[in-house]
Amino acid sequence: MSAGESTTNAESTAGARAEPGEPPGRTGTVTTAAAVRRHRRQTAMYALSRIVRALFTIFVVASGTFFLVRLLPGSPVDVYINEQISTYGMSYEQAAAQAAGLFSFDPNAPLMVQYADYMIALVQGDFGNSITAPGTPVITMIGQYLPWTLFSVGLALVLSFVLGVGLGMVMAYRRGTWFDHLATGFGSVTQSIPSFLMAIMIIVFFGVQLGWLPLAAMRGAYTPGVTIGFNAEFIGDALFHAALPIICYVLTSLGGWMLVMKSSTVQVLGDDYVQVARARGLKDSRIQFQYVGRNAMLPLFTSFMLSIGFVVGGSILVETITRYPGIGMLLYSSISSRDYTTIQGVLLLTTIAVVIANLLADFLYSTIDPRVRLTGKDG
């Protein structure tokens, strides 16, 4: 083929790829701009679909919670009447009359009317008032208990994740040694124990049998008389009272992070780019953190984000057993008294937290790993 024919073919190919009305020399620019616009549209559509799906999930959970809590045996009025009869020896008529003057809630109202009122208020951002504490907004009660749960479970989650990632990497680099066998056995046992059972075991053995823990002094969120504020005395006192829940959460979740990080690190160590980095003579510390550690943590990222969402609702049994005044104890007391609005508020808050955490995991994963596209498509 002659040089003239090659030039002619190249020009005709460039002209075929060019947009209509564009000179052949601007083909690359036009194609790049079109690809950027297409990617932005796909990203916007993906984000919109995820947000709509999240809102639909919240609506379904709010509706399901509304009807499920009303399937519990006994209404708030019935629970109050039975409590007055058994505790104070009132007659049923006296207790019913007192309940009628105390509660604004009518359990005999049509269910669909109650549902419509609840959903209308929810759309306006109103979670309603507590049934068993008339005049007290549910959001106010949640605001009193939620910070203590965020403090205890949030701190435990960060500690267990950081320790689990570090120990998991050490286990992978020292696999087959006594440390690996010991850590693997520890992780396998502790992750199979529920957090509430771990709390019972710690209280029975270390608190009651051995007397190492001052269980009575550790109850509550802080010691009365301590000045509340961002100071060393208050922070230390809050850590003392939250020690039991934190220990339970760390012990029951640390093993899972360790084992997953070990498995992920072992897999990454066998990848080609790690071998190439070693062949290039890079320092071991750089390979461990920039090549192995960063990529091995990617499978743990989504689990960590979802764990953040479950911080709100994963504490009901542990807080009740340890007598720690968090959102879990509020939910337990609300279920016991059949406080429908408070139960709905706490469960809805848990759902919102999980949905938001899932959204953040989807949106941030592509930032951490550029190979992942939000659209889920290649190119």
Protein backbone atom coordinates (compact mmCIF):
# COMPACT_ATOMS: atom_id res chain seq x y z
CA MET A 1 0.00 0.00 0.00
CA SER A 2 1.40 3.42 -0.97
CA ALA A 3 1.83 6.37 1.38
CA GLY A 4 -0.91 8.29 -0.41
CA GLU A 5 -3.38 5.44 0.04
CA SER A 6 -2.52 5.22 3.79
CA THR A 7 -3.11 8.91 4.24
CA THR A 8 -6.41 8.70 2.42
CA ASN A 9 -7.59 5.72 4.52
CA ALA A 10 -6.61 7.43 7.79
CA GLU A 11 -8.49 10.58 6.85
CA SER A 12 -11.59 8.64 5.83
CA THR A 13 -11.50 6.68 9.12
CA ALA A 14 -11.20 9.87 11.14
CA GLY A 15 -14.04 11.41 9.16
CA ALA A 16 -16.25 8.37 9.83
CA ARG A 17 -15.68 8.64 13.58
CA ALA A 18 -16.29 12.39 13.73
CA GLU A 19 -19.62 13.81 14.78
CA PRO A 20 -21.77 15.25 11.92
CA GLY A 21 -20.69 18.78 11.12
CA GLU A 22 -17.35 18.48 13.03
CA PRO A 23 -13.93 18.62 11.40
CA PRO A 24 -11.99 15.33 11.48
CA GLY A 25 -9.30 16.83 13.70
CA ARG A 26 -11.74 17.39 16.61
CA THR A 27 -12.90 13.76 16.81
CA GLY A 28 -11.02 12.95 20.05
CA THR A 29 -12.30 16.07 21.84
CA VAL A 30 -15.90 15.48 20.82
CA THR A 31 -15.76 11.81 21.82
CA THR A 32 -14.28 12.64 25.22
CA ALA A 33 -16.89 15.34 25.91
CA ALA A 34 -19.71 13.01 24.91
CA ALA A 35 -18.34 10.25 27.15
CA VAL A 36 -18.13 12.68 30.09
CA ARG A 37 -21.72 13.82 29.56
CA ARG A 38 -22.91 10.25 29.24
CA HIS A 39 -21.08 9.26 32.44
CA ARG A 40 -22.60 12.21 34.32
CA ARG A 41 -26.09 11.28 33.16
CA GLN A 42 -25.57 7.67 34.18
CA THR A 43 -24.20 8.71 37.57
CA ALA A 44 -27.12 11.08 38.18
CA MET A 45 -29.65 8.42 37.20
CA TYR A 46 -27.97 5.86 39.44
CA ALA A 47 -27.90 8.26 42.40
CA LEU A 48 -31.56 9.20 41.83
CA SER A 49 -32.64 5.56 41.62
CA ARG A 50 -30.76 4.73 44.84
CA ILE A 51 -32.36 7.66 46.67
CA VAL A 52 -35.85 6.71 45.46
CA ARG A 53 -35.23 3.10 46.51
CA ALA A 54 -34.05 4.31 49.93
CA LEU A 55 -37.18 6.45 50.42
CA PHE A 56 -39.37 3.52 49.40
CA THR A 57 -37.56 1.27 51.89
CA ILE A 58 -38.16 3.79 54.69
CA PHE A 59 -41.85 4.01 53.73
CA VAL A 60 -42.27 0.22 53.73
CA VAL A 61 -40.52 -0.15 57.10
CA ALA A 62 -42.53 2.70 58.64
CA SER A 63 -45.78 1.12 57.45
CA GLY A 64 -44.79 -2.38 58.51
CA THR A 65 -43.67 -1.18 61.95
CA PHE A 66 -46.94 0.65 62.47
CA PHE A 67 -49.01 -2.49 61.94
CA LEU A 68 -46.59 -4.94 63.59
CA VAL A 69 -46.37 -3.12 66.91
CA ARG A 70 -50.15 -3.19 67.14
CA LEU A 71 -50.07 -6.96 66.90
CA LEU A 72 -48.36 -7.08 70.30
CA PRO A 73 -50.72 -8.48 72.94
CA GLY A 74 -52.24 -5.68 74.99
CA SER A 75 -52.41 -1.97 74.25
CA PRO A 76 -50.73 0.79 76.30
CA VAL A 77 -54.02 1.33 78.12
CA ASP A 78 -54.33 -2.37 78.99
CA VAL A 79 -50.74 -2.51 80.25
CA TYR A 80 -51.32 0.57 82.43
CA ILE A 81 -54.58 -0.79 83.84
CA ASN A 82 -53.02 -4.16 84.71
CA GLU A 83 -50.07 -2.42 86.35
CA GLN A 84 -52.34 -0.26 88.52
CA ILE A 85 -54.41 -3.27 89.56
CA SER A 86 -51.40 -5.44 90.44
CA THR A 87 -49.30 -2.70 92.07
CA TYR A 88 -51.84 -0.51 93.85
CA GLY A 89 -54.81 -2.89 94.22
CA MET A 90 -57.20 -0.69 92.25
CA SER A 91 -60.38 -2.06 90.79
CA TYR A 92 -60.64 -2.31 87.05
CA GLU A 93 -63.12 0.57 86.89
CA GLN A 94 -60.82 2.85 88.91
CA ALA A 95 -57.77 1.98 86.83
CA ALA A 96 -59.72 2.41 83.57
CA ALA A 97 -60.99 5.81 84.68
CA GLN A 98 -57.48 6.92 85.59
CA ALA A 99 -56.14 5.67 82.25
CA ALA A 100 -58.86 7.54 80.36
CA GLY A 101 -57.78 10.80 82.00
CA LEU A 102 -54.07 10.12 81.43
CA PHE A 103 -53.89 8.83 77.86
CA SER A 104 -54.96 10.77 74.80
CA PHE A 105 -54.50 7.56 72.80
CA ASP A 106 -57.66 5.70 71.79
CA PRO A 107 -56.85 2.04 71.05
CA ASN A 108 -60.36 1.50 69.69
CA ALA A 109 -60.01 4.09 66.91
CA PRO A 110 -60.12 2.64 63.36
CA LEU A 111 -56.69 1.31 62.45
CA MET A 112 -56.57 2.99 59.06
CA VAL A 113 -57.43 6.34 60.63
CA GLN A 114 -54.50 5.90 63.04
CA TYR A 115 -52.25 4.94 60.13
CA ALA A 116 -53.28 7.95 58.04
CA ASP A 117 -52.68 10.33 60.97
CA TYR A 118 -49.27 8.76 61.62
CA MET A 119 -48.09 8.96 58.01
CA ILE A 120 -49.29 12.56 57.59
CA ALA A 121 -47.41 13.58 60.73
CA LEU A 122 -44.34 11.60 59.63
CA VAL A 123 -44.17 13.36 56.27
CA GLN A 124 -44.11 16.64 58.20
CA GLY A 125 -41.19 15.39 60.31
CA ASP A 126 -43.31 14.76 63.41
CA PHE A 127 -42.66 11.42 65.13
CA GLY A 128 -45.55 12.07 67.51
CA ASN A 129 -45.71 12.19 71.30
CA SER A 130 -44.99 9.34 73.68
CA ILE A 131 -48.13 7.49 74.75
CA THR A 132 -46.90 6.57 78.20
CA ALA A 133 -45.36 10.03 78.80
CA PRO A 134 -48.11 12.37 77.52
CA GLY A 135 -46.89 15.65 76.09
CA THR A 136 -43.31 14.43 75.56
CA PRO A 137 -42.27 14.31 71.87
CA VAL A 138 -40.71 11.04 70.77
CA ILE A 139 -37.84 12.90 69.12
CA THR A 140 -37.03 14.51 72.48
CA MET A 141 -36.86 11.14 74.21
CA ILE A 142 -34.64 9.77 71.44
CA GLY A 143 -32.39 12.81 71.77
CA GLN A 144 -31.89 12.06 75.48
CA TYR A 145 -30.86 8.42 74.98
CA LEU A 146 -29.24 8.33 71.54
CA PRO A 147 -25.96 10.16 72.37
CA TRP A 148 -25.00 7.51 74.95
CA THR A 149 -25.50 4.71 72.44
CA LEU A 150 -23.51 6.58 69.80
CA PHE A 151 -20.75 7.06 72.35
CA SER A 152 -20.51 3.46 73.54
CA VAL A 153 -21.26 1.51 70.36
CA GLY A 154 -19.51 4.01 68.08
CA LEU A 155 -16.31 3.92 70.13
CA ALA A 156 -16.43 0.12 70.31
CA LEU A 157 -16.96 -0.13 66.54
CA VAL A 158 -13.94 2.05 65.77
CA LEU A 159 -11.75 0.19 68.26
CA SER A 160 -12.75 -3.25 67.02
CA PHE A 161 -12.33 -2.26 63.36
CA VAL A 162 -8.88 -0.69 63.81
CA LEU A 163 -7.63 -3.55 65.98
CA GLY A 164 -9.18 -6.16 63.68
CA VAL A 165 -7.59 -4.70 60.55
CA GLY A 166 -4.17 -4.48 62.21
CA LEU A 167 -4.27 -7.94 63.74
CA GLY A 168 -5.68 -9.43 60.54
CA MET A 169 -2.73 -8.14 58.53
CA VAL A 170 -0.28 -9.51 61.10
CA MET A 171 -2.06 -12.88 60.97
CA ALA A 172 -1.75 -12.93 57.16
CA TYR A 173 1.95 -12.08 57.18
CA ARG A 174 2.61 -14.64 59.93
CA ARG A 175 0.21 -17.32 58.80
CA GLY A 176 1.05 -20.77 60.04
CA THR A 177 2.79 -19.48 63.17
CA TRP A 178 1.63 -19.83 66.77
CA PHE A 179 0.29 -16.26 66.69
CA ASP A 180 -1.85 -17.01 63.66
CA HIS A 181 -3.31 -20.16 65.25
CA LEU A 182 -3.98 -18.42 68.56
CA ALA A 183 -5.56 -15.35 66.96
CA THR A 184 -7.66 -17.47 64.59
CA GLY A 185 -9.00 -19.55 67.48
CA PHE A 186 -9.78 -16.41 69.48
CA GLY A 187 -11.59 -14.80 66.56
CA SER A 188 -13.58 -17.93 65.71
CA VAL A 189 -14.81 -18.33 69.30
CA THR A 190 -15.58 -14.69 70.13
CA GLN A 191 -17.42 -13.88 66.91
CA SER A 192 -19.79 -16.81 67.50
CA ILE A 193 -20.88 -15.49 70.92
CA PRO A 194 -23.83 -13.05 70.84
CA SER A 195 -23.11 -9.70 72.48
CA PHE A 196 -25.86 -10.11 75.10
CA LEU A 197 -24.49 -13.51 76.11
CA MET A 198 -21.01 -11.99 76.39
CA ALA A 199 -22.48 -9.31 78.67
CA ILE A 200 -24.07 -11.94 80.91
CA MET A 201 -20.82 -13.93 81.10
CA ILE A 202 -18.77 -10.84 82.02
CA ILE A 203 -21.25 -9.77 84.69
CA VAL A 204 -21.55 -13.26 86.22
CA PHE A 205 -17.87 -14.22 86.23
CA PHE A 206 -16.00 -10.95 86.65
CA GLY A 207 -18.66 -8.97 88.48
CA VAL A 208 -20.48 -11.46 90.73
CA GLN A 209 -18.14 -14.45 91.16
CA LEU A 210 -14.76 -12.70 91.21
CA GLY A 211 -15.95 -9.26 92.31
CA TRP A 212 -13.52 -7.46 90.01
CA LEU A 213 -16.15 -5.12 88.57
CA PRO A 214 -18.10 -2.56 90.67
CA LEU A 215 -21.39 -3.33 88.93
CA ALA A 216 -23.52 -1.01 91.08
CA ALA A 217 -21.20 1.96 90.52
CA MET A 218 -21.06 1.32 86.75
CA ARG A 219 -24.80 1.65 86.23
CA GLY A 220 -26.09 4.72 84.46
CA ALA A 221 -24.37 7.04 81.99
CA TYR A 222 -22.36 9.12 84.46
CA THR A 223 -21.93 9.67 88.19
CA PRO A 224 -24.32 12.23 89.73
CA GLY A 225 -22.48 15.41 90.65
CA VAL A 226 -19.92 15.21 87.86
CA THR A 227 -19.72 18.41 85.83
CA ILE A 228 -21.03 17.65 82.37
CA GLY A 229 -18.82 19.05 79.65
CA PHE A 230 -15.84 18.39 77.41
CA ASN A 231 -13.36 17.88 80.22
CA ALA A 232 -11.14 15.02 81.37
CA GLU A 233 -13.21 14.28 84.49
CA PHE A 234 -16.49 13.86 82.64
CA ILE A 235 -14.97 11.91 79.73
CA GLY A 236 -13.22 9.53 82.11
CA ASP A 237 -16.40 9.05 84.13
CA ALA A 238 -18.46 8.41 80.97
CA LEU A 239 -15.90 5.83 79.81
CA PHE A 240 -16.09 4.12 83.21
CA HIS A 241 -19.87 3.77 82.98
CA ALA A 242 -19.76 2.67 79.32
CA ALA A 243 -16.94 0.16 79.88
CA LEU A 244 -19.19 -2.91 80.05
CA PRO A 245 -21.06 -2.29 76.77
CA ILE A 246 -17.84 -1.28 75.01
CA ILE A 247 -16.02 -4.45 76.14
CA CYS A 248 -18.94 -6.61 75.01
CA TYR A 249 -19.14 -5.00 71.57
CA VAL A 250 -15.37 -5.11 71.00
CA LEU A 251 -14.98 -8.76 72.05
CA THR A 252 -17.88 -9.98 69.89
CA SER A 253 -16.97 -8.02 66.75
CA LEU A 254 -13.15 -7.99 66.84
CA GLY A 255 -12.82 -11.62 65.73
CA GLY A 256 -14.90 -11.09 62.61
CA TRP A 257 -12.81 -8.14 61.42
CA MET A 258 -9.60 -10.10 62.11
CA LEU A 259 -10.62 -13.15 60.10
CA VAL A 260 -12.01 -11.20 57.15
CA MET A 261 -8.93 -8.96 56.99
CA LYS A 262 -6.63 -11.97 57.16
CA SER A 263 -8.44 -13.70 54.30
CA SER A 264 -8.48 -10.53 52.19
CA THR A 265 -4.79 -9.81 52.85
CA VAL A 266 -3.73 -13.36 51.91
CA GLN A 267 -5.64 -13.01 48.64
CA VAL A 268 -4.06 -9.63 47.85
CA LEU A 269 -0.56 -10.92 48.63
CA GLY A 270 -0.90 -13.33 45.73
CA ASP A 271 -1.89 -10.67 43.17
CA ASP A 272 0.46 -9.80 40.33
CA TYR A 273 0.90 -6.13 41.18
CA VAL A 274 2.29 -7.04 44.62
CA GLN A 275 4.85 -9.34 43.03
CA VAL A 276 5.77 -6.60 40.54
CA ALA A 277 6.19 -4.09 43.39
CA ARG A 278 8.56 -6.49 45.15
CA ALA A 279 10.48 -7.07 41.94
CA ARG A 280 10.93 -3.31 41.58
CA GLY A 281 12.67 -3.27 44.97
CA LEU A 282 10.09 -1.17 46.84
CA LYS A 283 10.31 -1.06 50.62
CA ASP A 284 8.30 -3.66 52.50
CA SER A 285 6.54 -0.96 54.56
CA ARG A 286 5.34 0.78 51.40
CA ILE A 287 4.11 -2.48 49.91
CA GLN A 288 2.31 -3.43 53.11
CA PHE A 289 0.38 -0.17 53.48
CA GLN A 290 0.00 1.31 49.99
CA TYR A 291 -0.39 -1.89 48.00
CA VAL A 292 -1.58 -4.67 50.30
CA GLY A 293 -3.33 -2.90 53.17
CA ARG A 294 -5.30 -0.41 51.07
CA ASN A 295 -6.63 -3.04 48.66
CA ALA A 296 -7.25 -5.66 51.33
CA MET A 297 -9.47 -3.20 53.26
CA LEU A 298 -11.85 -2.68 50.33
CA PRO A 299 -14.06 -5.74 51.06
CA LEU A 300 -14.36 -4.56 54.68
CA PHE A 301 -15.52 -1.06 53.74
CA THR A 302 -19.14 -1.92 52.96
CA SER A 303 -19.45 -4.02 56.12
CA PHE A 304 -18.02 -1.19 58.19
CA MET A 305 -20.48 1.35 56.75
CA LEU A 306 -23.42 -0.97 57.41
CA SER A 307 -22.15 -1.54 60.95
CA ILE A 308 -22.31 2.22 61.48
CA GLY A 309 -25.98 2.09 60.50
CA PHE A 310 -26.70 -0.71 62.94
CA VAL A 311 -25.10 1.26 65.80
CA VAL A 312 -28.54 2.67 66.62
CA GLY A 313 -30.46 -0.58 66.85
CA GLY A 314 -27.90 -3.20 67.87
CA SER A 315 -27.78 -2.41 71.55
CA ILE A 316 -31.18 -3.29 73.01
CA LEU A 317 -30.20 -6.45 74.92
CA VAL A 318 -26.69 -5.36 75.97
CA GLU A 319 -27.88 -2.00 77.34
CA THR A 320 -30.76 -3.64 79.16
CA ILE A 321 -28.49 -6.23 80.78
CA THR A 322 -25.78 -3.73 81.73
CA ARG A 323 -28.30 -1.05 82.73
CA TYR A 324 -26.78 1.48 80.39
CA PRO A 325 -29.27 4.25 79.47
CA GLY A 326 -28.98 4.18 75.70
CA ILE A 327 -31.44 3.90 72.85
CA GLY A 328 -31.60 0.12 73.34
CA MET A 329 -32.93 0.50 76.87
CA LEU A 330 -35.46 3.06 75.64
CA LEU A 331 -36.70 0.58 73.04
CA TYR A 332 -36.93 -2.20 75.62
CA SER A 333 -38.94 -0.08 78.07
CA SER A 334 -41.18 1.12 75.24
CA ILE A 335 -41.95 -2.45 74.19
CA SER A 336 -42.69 -3.41 77.79
CA SER A 337 -45.16 -0.54 78.17
CA ARG A 338 -46.51 -0.86 74.60
CA ASP A 339 -45.57 2.74 73.82
CA TYR A 340 -46.40 2.48 70.14
CA THR A 341 -45.13 5.87 69.03
CA THR A 342 -41.77 5.51 70.76
CA ILE A 343 -41.28 2.00 69.35
CA GLN A 344 -42.08 3.30 65.87
CA GLY A 345 -39.72 6.24 66.29
CA VAL A 346 -36.75 4.15 67.43
CA LEU A 347 -37.21 1.49 64.75
CA LEU A 348 -37.68 4.11 62.06
CA LEU A 349 -34.53 5.88 63.21
CA THR A 350 -32.66 2.59 62.97
CA THR A 351 -33.94 2.04 59.44
CA ILE A 352 -32.96 5.55 58.36
CA ALA A 353 -29.47 5.07 59.80
CA VAL A 354 -28.97 1.77 57.93
CA VAL A 355 -30.32 3.18 54.65
CA ILE A 356 -28.09 6.26 54.84
CA ALA A 357 -25.07 4.12 55.69
CA ASN A 358 -25.81 1.90 52.69
CA LEU A 359 -26.13 4.93 50.41
CA LEU A 360 -22.84 6.34 51.65
CA ALA A 361 -21.15 2.98 51.10
CA ASP A 362 -22.38 2.89 47.50
CA PHE A 363 -21.31 6.46 46.73
CA LEU A 364 -17.97 6.37 48.54
CA TYR A 365 -16.82 2.97 47.32
CA SER A 366 -16.10 4.33 43.84
CA THR A 367 -14.02 7.10 45.43
CA ILE A 368 -11.89 4.64 47.40
CA ASP A 369 -11.59 2.23 44.48
CA PRO A 370 -11.58 4.17 41.15
CA ARG A 371 -11.99 0.89 39.27
CA VAL A 372 -15.61 0.74 40.45
CA ARG A 373 -18.15 2.79 38.55
CA LEU A 374 -21.33 4.07 40.19
CA THR A 375 -23.30 2.85 37.20
CA GLY A 376 -22.01 -0.68 37.64
CA LYS A 377 -20.89 -0.71 33.99
CA ASP A 378 -17.47 -0.85 32.47
CA GLY A 379 -16.07 2.13 30.58
